[in-house]
Amino acid sequence: MAIRITSDSTCDLNHLIEERDIGILPLQVNLDANSYYDGVDITPQDIFDFVAKTGVLPKTSAPSIGDYEEFFEKQLTLGDEVVHFNISAKSSGSHNMAKQAAEKFGGKVRVIDSKALSSGQGLLVLKAADMRDEGRSAAEIEETVLQLRTHVNTSFVPDSLDYLHKGGRVSGMIKVVAGMFKIHPLILMDDGQLVPGKKYKGRMDILIKQYIQDLKEMYPAYDKSRCFVTHSSADRSLVDVAKAKVKELFEFDEIIETVAGSIITSHCGKGTLGVLFIYNN
């Protein structure tokens, strides 16, 4: 039976969407009275320009139950079953909308809460695509990714806390202190929600190396098939530093660079960078 692997646009898989034949349903970004579709008719630069002009973050919204029903119906014309991934249910209402929509299709649509975001979610999507290409069943794919989702390192280091402050995730005092002392807190996913981790201090090109060194020590055993270096329009030199350090310390078959889409950018701001991969017990 043909299986369709699909995801919300928050998986940030960029060019891999077409290469791996993944169906994508975009979330919406709202700038004042205008609505745009993530990855379709809005870019991260549009977000930066809007925030610089207005001083506020754009609003983001999940697809409706009707949107999901229409999307799943179309996907089922391309395959017999659908395995769909959502951004963490603790970050968006999209998972609950998708679950309700899936009830219409009599078990042909399986909806998975990735408990991640950005390419952390993307790692699970690609693992599902790997299994699809191996001829595995939808039930086997679902069972495997539900086990793997607790072993995804989804972590980032922001260049600035401005967007996190505007979004209510850090206080004004923390933002001011962090700016004064060049503090960059690690942000990571823990059971599906963003939490602060270690605080790094100094220039991004230096502390990113320490962040990656820390990841190596935290996760000595890991899935070597792929790793993402994902960033929100970070400087080219910083991305190159990160990729070189990952190559030095790890043994991934692929080190894939992706740029965060408009949904993720709306919450983390410019210059955020993360190294994401699946680790073993």
Foldseek 3Di string as FASTA:
>chain_A
DQEAEEEEPQLQPPPVCVVLVYHYDFWWWAQPPDIDTWPPPDFLVNQVVSCVVPVAFIDIAADALVSLLVSVVVVCVVDVAYEYEYAAVVVHVNQVSNVVSCVVPPPRYHYDRLLHTYNLSVQLSVVLSVCSVVVDDPVVSVVVSVVQSQQKKHKKWAQACSLQCSVVNDDPVVRVVCVVFVKIWMWTGDSSDIDTDDIDTDDLLVVLLVVVVVVCVVFVAFDQAEKEKEFAAADPVSSVSNVVSCVVRHRHPYYHYGYGINVVCSRRPHRMIDMMGGGDD
